[in-house]
Amino acid sequence: MISTELWTWIYAFCVLGYWSQLAKDNPWYRFTEHIFIGTAAAHGMVMSYWSLRGMAIPSLMAGNYYWVLALMIGALMLFRLVKEYKWVSNWPLAISLGVGTGLAARGAIETQILRQITATMELVKIASPFEMISNAIFIITMICTVAYFLYTIKPTTGLSAMSKIGRWTMMSAFGTSMAWLWMSRLNFLISQIQVLIWQWLGIT
């Protein structure tokens, strides 16, 4: 039996509206797109309000006055609503982007470089025969992948062979990542279809 719940109908309306864009652009798709953007913007505003109320104001009351600087920088973003002083909002935007980039770079260096180097060195430890073979394959493919990016060294027969193995390794990794991405998207699609069939249409 078809569902009589309002939120299930709203869910089905939005999902089918998104899917309608697969045929062509239409007002139904644009309407659901605007609903999504408006909902996301409203959610962001509400979360900002509760963050201000739950973190900034109590911290100021506790004597942590460095929050004043953060609030001032955040308030400068409101100048984006004034056409004559829109340029003022570029300063807090630049600060947030700079801080975010610095934090991301620090995390990337630690996790993507230092920890991977440490983990690779630990693979040299003596282990079971199967682990020794697995570790040897990992180290060889890692070295060959690095050799693929040695552009400043004149290629030799050995280096060319290592570069070719490195290219195969990267293609295998990229293909695996793409397969995982498609699998996650298909799982999400299947879950939507199940909701439409089981909860909305009531077909079991």
Protein backbone atom coordinates (compact mmCIF):
# COMPACT_ATOMS: atom_id res chain seq x y z
CA MET A 1 0.00 0.00 0.00
CA ILE A 2 1.33 3.43 -0.93
CA SER A 3 2.61 5.54 1.95
CA THR A 4 0.49 8.28 3.49
CA GLU A 5 3.36 9.94 5.40
CA LEU A 6 4.09 13.51 4.34
CA TRP A 7 7.87 13.28 4.69
CA THR A 8 8.01 10.12 2.58
CA TRP A 9 6.18 11.95 -0.21
CA ILE A 10 8.53 14.92 0.09
CA TYR A 11 11.51 12.53 -0.10
CA ALA A 12 10.09 10.82 -3.20
CA PHE A 13 9.28 14.19 -4.80
CA CYS A 14 12.84 15.45 -4.33
CA VAL A 15 14.53 12.20 -5.41
CA LEU A 16 12.44 11.88 -8.57
CA GLY A 17 13.02 15.57 -9.25
CA TYR A 18 16.78 15.04 -9.15
CA TRP A 19 16.51 12.01 -11.39
CA SER A 20 14.42 13.94 -13.91
CA GLN A 21 17.55 15.90 -14.85
CA LEU A 22 18.86 12.72 -16.49
CA ALA A 23 16.33 13.27 -19.28
CA LYS A 24 16.83 17.03 -19.62
CA ASP A 25 16.90 20.20 -17.58
CA ASN A 26 13.41 21.04 -16.35
CA PRO A 27 11.61 23.21 -13.75
CA TRP A 28 11.04 20.20 -11.45
CA TYR A 29 14.78 19.57 -11.18
CA ARG A 30 15.56 23.26 -10.65
CA PHE A 31 12.91 23.47 -7.93
CA THR A 32 14.35 20.51 -6.01
CA GLU A 33 17.85 21.91 -6.50
CA HIS A 34 16.76 25.21 -4.97
CA ILE A 35 15.18 23.32 -2.07
CA PHE A 36 18.48 21.55 -1.40
CA ILE A 37 20.54 24.76 -1.58
CA GLY A 38 18.07 26.68 0.57
CA THR A 39 17.93 23.90 3.16
CA ALA A 40 21.73 23.67 3.30
CA ALA A 41 22.03 27.45 3.71
CA ALA A 42 19.40 27.50 6.46
CA HIS A 43 21.09 24.61 8.24
CA GLY A 44 24.40 26.45 8.09
CA MET A 45 22.85 29.57 9.59
CA VAL A 46 21.24 27.61 12.43
CA MET A 47 24.47 25.77 13.19
CA SER A 48 26.36 29.08 13.18
CA TYR A 49 23.85 30.54 15.64
CA TRP A 50 24.15 27.59 18.02
CA SER A 51 27.93 27.65 17.69
CA LEU A 52 27.91 31.33 18.60
CA ARG A 53 25.56 30.75 21.49
CA GLY A 54 27.13 27.54 22.78
CA MET A 55 30.84 28.31 22.29
CA ALA A 56 31.67 31.95 21.67
CA ILE A 57 29.45 33.67 24.22
CA PRO A 58 30.23 31.26 27.11
CA SER A 59 33.95 31.56 26.32
CA LEU A 60 33.73 35.34 26.43
CA MET A 61 31.87 35.19 29.72
CA ALA A 62 34.63 32.92 31.06
CA GLY A 63 37.28 35.52 30.19
CA ASN A 64 38.63 34.02 26.96
CA TYR A 65 38.78 37.34 25.12
CA TYR A 66 40.59 35.97 22.08
CA TRP A 67 37.11 35.08 20.85
CA VAL A 68 36.60 38.81 20.27
CA LEU A 69 39.12 38.68 17.43
CA ALA A 70 37.40 35.64 15.92
CA LEU A 71 34.00 37.32 16.14
CA MET A 72 35.33 40.51 14.55
CA ILE A 73 36.84 38.56 11.66
CA GLY A 74 33.60 36.67 11.21
CA ALA A 75 31.55 39.87 11.34
CA LEU A 76 33.59 41.32 8.47
CA MET A 77 32.08 38.65 6.23
CA LEU A 78 28.76 40.47 6.52
CA PHE A 79 30.17 43.31 4.42
CA ARG A 80 29.67 41.03 1.42
CA LEU A 81 26.00 42.05 1.61
CA VAL A 82 26.95 45.73 1.04
CA LYS A 83 27.99 46.41 -2.53
CA GLU A 84 30.17 49.43 -1.75
CA TYR A 85 32.15 47.60 0.96
CA LYS A 86 32.10 44.12 -0.52
CA TRP A 87 35.90 44.14 -0.75
CA VAL A 88 36.15 44.13 3.08
CA SER A 89 34.81 40.57 3.16
CA ASN A 90 37.85 39.43 1.16
CA TRP A 91 40.07 39.83 4.22
CA PRO A 92 38.32 37.32 6.52
CA LEU A 93 37.90 35.01 3.53
CA ALA A 94 41.65 35.17 2.84
CA ILE A 95 42.42 34.54 6.51
CA SER A 96 40.14 31.49 6.67
CA LEU A 97 41.54 30.09 3.43
CA GLY A 98 45.11 30.66 4.57
CA VAL A 99 44.57 29.02 7.96
CA GLY A 100 42.68 26.14 6.35
CA THR A 101 45.41 25.62 3.77
CA GLY A 102 48.10 25.64 6.46
CA LEU A 103 46.26 23.10 8.61
CA ALA A 104 45.54 20.90 5.59
CA ALA A 105 49.18 21.04 4.46
CA ARG A 106 50.39 20.13 7.94
CA GLY A 107 48.00 17.19 8.12
CA ALA A 108 48.86 16.05 4.59
CA ILE A 109 52.61 16.12 5.27
CA GLU A 110 52.18 14.12 8.46
CA THR A 111 49.72 11.53 7.16
CA GLN A 112 50.54 11.30 3.45
CA ILE A 113 54.35 11.52 3.70
CA LEU A 114 55.87 10.99 7.14
CA ARG A 115 53.57 8.22 8.35
CA GLN A 116 53.73 6.42 5.02
CA ILE A 117 57.53 6.53 5.06
CA THR A 118 57.52 5.18 8.63
CA ALA A 119 55.04 2.44 7.71
CA THR A 120 57.12 1.49 4.68
CA MET A 121 60.29 1.19 6.77
CA GLU A 122 58.46 -1.06 9.23
CA LEU A 123 57.71 -3.48 6.39
CA VAL A 124 61.40 -4.44 6.35
CA LYS A 125 60.93 -6.31 9.63
CA ILE A 126 61.11 -10.10 9.44
CA ALA A 127 57.64 -11.64 9.32
CA SER A 128 55.93 -14.77 8.01
CA PRO A 129 56.78 -15.88 4.44
CA PHE A 130 53.49 -14.59 3.08
CA GLU A 131 53.96 -11.19 4.75
CA MET A 132 57.55 -11.03 3.50
CA ILE A 133 56.39 -11.53 -0.10
CA SER A 134 53.58 -9.01 0.34
CA ASN A 135 55.94 -6.45 1.89
CA ALA A 136 58.52 -6.99 -0.85
CA ILE A 137 55.90 -6.37 -3.56
CA PHE A 138 54.77 -3.23 -1.75
CA ILE A 139 58.29 -1.83 -1.42
CA ILE A 140 59.20 -2.63 -5.04
CA THR A 141 56.05 -1.02 -6.43
CA MET A 142 56.57 2.00 -4.18
CA ILE A 143 60.13 2.49 -5.44
CA CYS A 144 59.02 2.04 -9.06
CA THR A 145 56.22 4.58 -8.59
CA VAL A 146 58.71 7.13 -7.22
CA ALA A 147 61.03 6.36 -10.14
CA TYR A 148 58.25 7.31 -12.56
CA PHE A 149 58.55 10.92 -11.37
CA LEU A 150 62.35 11.19 -11.74
CA TYR A 151 62.31 13.63 -14.66
CA THR A 152 65.72 15.17 -13.92
CA ILE A 153 67.66 11.93 -14.44
CA LYS A 154 68.49 10.63 -17.89
CA PRO A 155 66.40 7.47 -18.39
CA THR A 156 68.28 4.20 -18.65
CA THR A 157 67.05 0.72 -19.41
CA GLY A 158 66.58 -0.12 -15.76
CA LEU A 159 64.97 3.21 -14.91
CA SER A 160 62.61 2.95 -17.89
CA ALA A 161 61.50 -0.51 -16.76
CA MET A 162 60.95 0.77 -13.21
CA SER A 163 58.97 3.73 -14.55
CA LYS A 164 56.77 1.40 -16.57
CA ILE A 165 56.07 -0.74 -13.50
CA GLY A 166 55.32 2.43 -11.55
CA ARG A 167 52.84 3.54 -14.21
CA TRP A 168 51.09 0.16 -14.08
CA THR A 169 50.96 0.41 -10.29
CA MET A 170 49.36 3.86 -10.40
CA MET A 171 46.84 2.78 -13.03
CA SER A 172 45.89 -0.17 -10.84
CA ALA A 173 45.49 2.10 -7.81
CA PHE A 174 43.43 4.65 -9.75
CA GLY A 175 41.24 1.91 -11.17
CA THR A 176 40.64 0.46 -7.71
CA SER A 177 39.77 3.90 -6.32
CA MET A 178 37.33 4.51 -9.17
CA ALA A 179 35.73 1.11 -8.59
CA TRP A 180 35.25 1.91 -4.88
CA LEU A 181 33.75 5.27 -5.82
CA TRP A 182 31.28 3.69 -8.23
CA MET A 183 30.38 1.02 -5.68
CA SER A 184 29.62 3.64 -3.01
CA ARG A 185 27.49 5.65 -5.46
CA LEU A 186 25.62 2.52 -6.55
CA ASN A 187 24.97 1.61 -2.91
CA PHE A 188 23.49 5.07 -2.38
CA LEU A 189 21.35 4.69 -5.51
CA ILE A 190 20.13 1.26 -4.41
CA SER A 191 19.19 2.62 -0.98
CA GLN A 192 17.14 5.38 -2.62
CA ILE A 193 15.37 2.89 -4.87
CA GLN A 194 14.59 0.69 -1.86
CA VAL A 195 13.03 3.63 0.00
CA LEU A 196 10.91 4.50 -3.02
CA ILE A 197 9.75 0.93 -3.55
CA TRP A 198 9.34 -0.26 0.04
CA GLN A 199 8.35 2.87 1.95
CA TRP A 200 6.75 5.11 -0.66
CA LEU A 201 5.01 2.62 -2.96
CA GLY A 202 4.62 0.01 -0.22
CA ILE A 203 5.81 -2.85 -2.45
CA THR A 204 7.44 -5.66 -0.47
